Amino acid sequence: MNVRPTHWSTSCAVLLSAAAMLFMAPASADTTDDAVISTLANQGIVITDRDTTIATAHQVCDSLDKHTKSAVLAVRLVRDTDLSLSQSSYFIGVAMSAYCPQYKGRTGSTQSPGA
């Protein structure tokens, strides 16, 4: 490919802009993930596997998207993890705040974004 000098700066600018956009989203996601891990740890919830913890937090949102009640999710977390009911409820709140804020404040009832 033969690029003339006048087009070189334009080509570089386009490539740098595209690269910046590619790297912006993961940095933002990492910041959110870091905040979730930090918030849980500050509450005394022991994190043994960061990736599993983040995946579980995303699963909370997926379940809420399917109209699962937050109380049901809390019981599932108690059953499937070493969290207490209080910790699992806190975990759900943190997941909602970080990854699906449209559900904040809708605990205990069927979850739906328009409700």
C-alpha atoms as a PDB file:
ATOM      1  CA  MET A   1       0.000   0.000   0.000  1.00  0.00           C
ATOM      2  CA  ASN A   2       1.429   3.312  -1.029  1.00  0.00           C
ATOM      3  CA  VAL A   3       0.342   6.238   1.131  1.00  0.00           C
ATOM      4  CA  ARG A   4       1.371   9.761   0.236  1.00  0.00           C
ATOM      5  CA  PRO A   5       2.845  11.897   3.037  1.00  0.00           C
ATOM      6  CA  THR A   6      -0.231  14.153   3.151  1.00  0.00           C
ATOM      7  CA  HIS A   7      -2.459  11.145   3.757  1.00  0.00           C
ATOM      8  CA  TRP A   8      -0.086   9.595   6.291  1.00  0.00           C
ATOM      9  CA  SER A   9      -1.110  11.829   9.200  1.00  0.00           C
ATOM     10  CA  THR A  10      -4.793  11.310   8.439  1.00  0.00           C
ATOM     11  CA  SER A  11      -4.301   7.540   8.265  1.00  0.00           C
ATOM     12  CA  CYS A  12      -2.410   7.545  11.558  1.00  0.00           C
ATOM     13  CA  ALA A  13      -5.063   9.656  13.241  1.00  0.00           C
ATOM     14  CA  VAL A  14      -7.808   7.285  12.123  1.00  0.00           C
ATOM     15  CA  LEU A  15      -5.853   4.234  13.286  1.00  0.00           C
ATOM     16  CA  LEU A  16      -5.002   5.815  16.641  1.00  0.00           C
ATOM     17  CA  SER A  17      -8.623   6.823  17.186  1.00  0.00           C
ATOM     18  CA  ALA A  18      -9.811   3.309  16.411  1.00  0.00           C
ATOM     19  CA  ALA A  19      -7.201   1.817  18.745  1.00  0.00           C
ATOM     20  CA  ALA A  20      -8.198   4.202  21.523  1.00  0.00           C
ATOM     21  CA  MET A  21     -11.846   3.200  21.173  1.00  0.00           C
ATOM     22  CA  LEU A  22     -10.933  -0.474  21.365  1.00  0.00           C
ATOM     23  CA  PHE A  23      -9.036   0.009  24.597  1.00  0.00           C
ATOM     24  CA  MET A  24     -11.494   2.384  26.293  1.00  0.00           C
ATOM     25  CA  ALA A  25     -14.249  -0.163  26.967  1.00  0.00           C
ATOM     26  CA  PRO A  26     -12.053  -2.770  28.694  1.00  0.00           C
ATOM     27  CA  ALA A  27     -10.481  -0.126  30.899  1.00  0.00           C
ATOM     28  CA  SER A  28     -13.936   0.998  31.972  1.00  0.00           C
ATOM     29  CA  ALA A  29     -15.042  -2.580  32.591  1.00  0.00           C
ATOM     30  CA  ASP A  30     -11.902  -3.235  34.618  1.00  0.00           C
ATOM     31  CA  THR A  31     -12.601  -0.166  36.744  1.00  0.00           C
ATOM     32  CA  THR A  32     -16.131  -1.375  37.435  1.00  0.00           C
ATOM     33  CA  ASP A  33     -14.894  -4.896  38.145  1.00  0.00           C
ATOM     34  CA  ASP A  34     -12.232  -3.508  40.499  1.00  0.00           C
ATOM     35  CA  ALA A  35     -14.869  -1.478  42.336  1.00  0.00           C
ATOM     36  CA  VAL A  36     -17.105  -4.540  42.725  1.00  0.00           C
ATOM     37  CA  ILE A  37     -14.264  -6.654  44.114  1.00  0.00           C
ATOM     38  CA  SER A  38     -13.157  -3.859  46.436  1.00  0.00           C
ATOM     39  CA  THR A  39     -16.676  -3.200  47.707  1.00  0.00           C
ATOM     40  CA  LEU A  40     -17.277  -6.883  48.426  1.00  0.00           C
ATOM     41  CA  ALA A  41     -13.906  -7.242  50.151  1.00  0.00           C
ATOM     42  CA  ASN A  42     -14.584  -4.149  52.287  1.00  0.00           C
ATOM     43  CA  GLN A  43     -17.776  -5.850  53.465  1.00  0.00           C
ATOM     44  CA  GLY A  44     -15.739  -8.883  54.550  1.00  0.00           C
ATOM     45  CA  ILE A  45     -16.708 -11.101  51.634  1.00  0.00           C
ATOM     46  CA  VAL A  46     -13.689 -13.223  50.775  1.00  0.00           C
ATOM     47  CA  ILE A  47     -12.906 -13.327  47.057  1.00  0.00           C
ATOM     48  CA  THR A  48     -11.078 -16.508  46.103  1.00  0.00           C
ATOM     49  CA  ASP A  49     -11.572 -16.222  42.319  1.00  0.00           C
ATOM     50  CA  ARG A  50     -11.984 -12.759  40.837  1.00  0.00           C
ATOM     51  CA  ASP A  51     -13.226 -13.987  37.447  1.00  0.00           C
ATOM     52  CA  THR A  52     -15.869 -16.250  38.994  1.00  0.00           C
ATOM     53  CA  THR A  53     -17.023 -13.447  41.280  1.00  0.00           C
ATOM     54  CA  ILE A  54     -17.426 -11.033  38.363  1.00  0.00           C
ATOM     55  CA  ALA A  55     -19.170 -13.705  36.273  1.00  0.00           C
ATOM     56  CA  THR A  56     -21.549 -14.408  39.157  1.00  0.00           C
ATOM     57  CA  ALA A  57     -22.344 -10.708  39.464  1.00  0.00           C
ATOM     58  CA  HIS A  58     -23.197 -10.628  35.753  1.00  0.00           C
ATOM     59  CA  GLN A  59     -25.358 -13.739  36.228  1.00  0.00           C
ATOM     60  CA  VAL A  60     -27.347 -11.812  38.826  1.00  0.00           C
ATOM     61  CA  CYS A  61     -28.241  -9.283  36.138  1.00  0.00           C
ATOM     62  CA  ASP A  62     -29.007 -12.018  33.611  1.00  0.00           C
ATOM     63  CA  SER A  63     -31.394 -13.602  36.109  1.00  0.00           C
ATOM     64  CA  LEU A  64     -33.034 -10.265  36.840  1.00  0.00           C
ATOM     65  CA  ASP A  65     -33.484  -9.799  33.088  1.00  0.00           C
ATOM     66  CA  LYS A  66     -35.446 -13.072  33.190  1.00  0.00           C
ATOM     67  CA  HIS A  67     -37.666 -11.656  35.977  1.00  0.00           C
ATOM     68  CA  THR A  68     -36.183 -13.775  38.769  1.00  0.00           C
ATOM     69  CA  LYS A  69     -36.939 -12.354  42.205  1.00  0.00           C
ATOM     70  CA  SER A  70     -33.930 -11.034  44.101  1.00  0.00           C
ATOM     71  CA  ALA A  71     -34.927 -13.155  47.130  1.00  0.00           C
ATOM     72  CA  VAL A  72     -34.666 -16.281  44.970  1.00  0.00           C
ATOM     73  CA  LEU A  73     -31.234 -15.154  43.773  1.00  0.00           C
ATOM     74  CA  ALA A  74     -30.105 -14.608  47.360  1.00  0.00           C
ATOM     75  CA  VAL A  75     -31.158 -18.144  48.339  1.00  0.00           C
ATOM     76  CA  ARG A  76     -29.367 -19.551  45.283  1.00  0.00           C
ATOM     77  CA  LEU A  77     -26.173 -17.730  46.251  1.00  0.00           C
ATOM     78  CA  VAL A  78     -26.398 -19.112  49.783  1.00  0.00           C
ATOM     79  CA  ARG A  79     -26.873 -22.605  48.357  1.00  0.00           C
ATOM     80  CA  ASP A  80     -24.143 -22.358  45.715  1.00  0.00           C
ATOM     81  CA  THR A  81     -21.485 -20.391  47.618  1.00  0.00           C
ATOM     82  CA  ASP A  82     -20.183 -19.957  51.137  1.00  0.00           C
ATOM     83  CA  LEU A  83     -22.019 -16.633  51.531  1.00  0.00           C
ATOM     84  CA  SER A  84     -24.523 -16.026  54.309  1.00  0.00           C
ATOM     85  CA  LEU A  85     -27.975 -14.725  53.414  1.00  0.00           C
ATOM     86  CA  SER A  86     -26.918 -11.231  54.464  1.00  0.00           C
ATOM     87  CA  GLN A  87     -23.755 -11.418  52.349  1.00  0.00           C
ATOM     88  CA  SER A  88     -25.608 -12.810  49.342  1.00  0.00           C
ATOM     89  CA  SER A  89     -28.158  -9.986  49.564  1.00  0.00           C
ATOM     90  CA  TYR A  90     -25.309  -7.463  49.726  1.00  0.00           C
ATOM     91  CA  PHE A  91     -23.646  -9.180  46.744  1.00  0.00           C
ATOM     92  CA  ILE A  92     -26.859  -8.823  44.730  1.00  0.00           C
ATOM     93  CA  GLY A  93     -27.053  -5.138  45.616  1.00  0.00           C
ATOM     94  CA  VAL A  94     -23.465  -4.567  44.534  1.00  0.00           C
ATOM     95  CA  ALA A  95     -24.046  -6.469  41.271  1.00  0.00           C
ATOM     96  CA  MET A  96     -27.175  -4.430  40.564  1.00  0.00           C
ATOM     97  CA  SER A  97     -25.425  -1.136  41.265  1.00  0.00           C
ATOM     98  CA  ALA A  98     -22.449  -1.998  39.090  1.00  0.00           C
ATOM     99  CA  TYR A  99     -23.850  -3.967  36.168  1.00  0.00           C
ATOM    100  CA  CYS A 100     -27.614  -3.473  35.981  1.00  0.00           C
ATOM    101  CA  PRO A 101     -28.577  -0.266  37.788  1.00  0.00           C
ATOM    102  CA  GLN A 102     -32.004  -0.330  36.154  1.00  0.00           C
ATOM    103  CA  TYR A 103     -32.959  -2.871  38.853  1.00  0.00           C
ATOM    104  CA  LYS A 104     -31.750  -0.869  41.876  1.00  0.00           C
ATOM    105  CA  GLY A 105     -34.468  -0.452  44.457  1.00  0.00           C
ATOM    106  CA  ARG A 106     -36.612  -3.288  43.134  1.00  0.00           C
ATOM    107  CA  THR A 107     -35.746  -5.981  45.638  1.00  0.00           C
ATOM    108  CA  GLY A 108     -38.204  -8.591  46.823  1.00  0.00           C
ATOM    109  CA  SER A 109     -40.573  -8.415  43.875  1.00  0.00           C
ATOM    110  CA  THR A 110     -40.551  -9.678  40.341  1.00  0.00           C
ATOM    111  CA  GLN A 111     -37.879  -7.735  38.529  1.00  0.00           C
ATOM    112  CA  SER A 112     -38.633  -5.937  35.294  1.00  0.00           C
ATOM    113  CA  PRO A 113     -37.025  -2.813  33.878  1.00  0.00           C
ATOM    114  CA  GLY A 114     -40.333  -1.045  33.262  1.00  0.00           C
ATOM    115  CA  ALA A 115     -41.950  -1.847  36.604  1.00  0.00           C
END
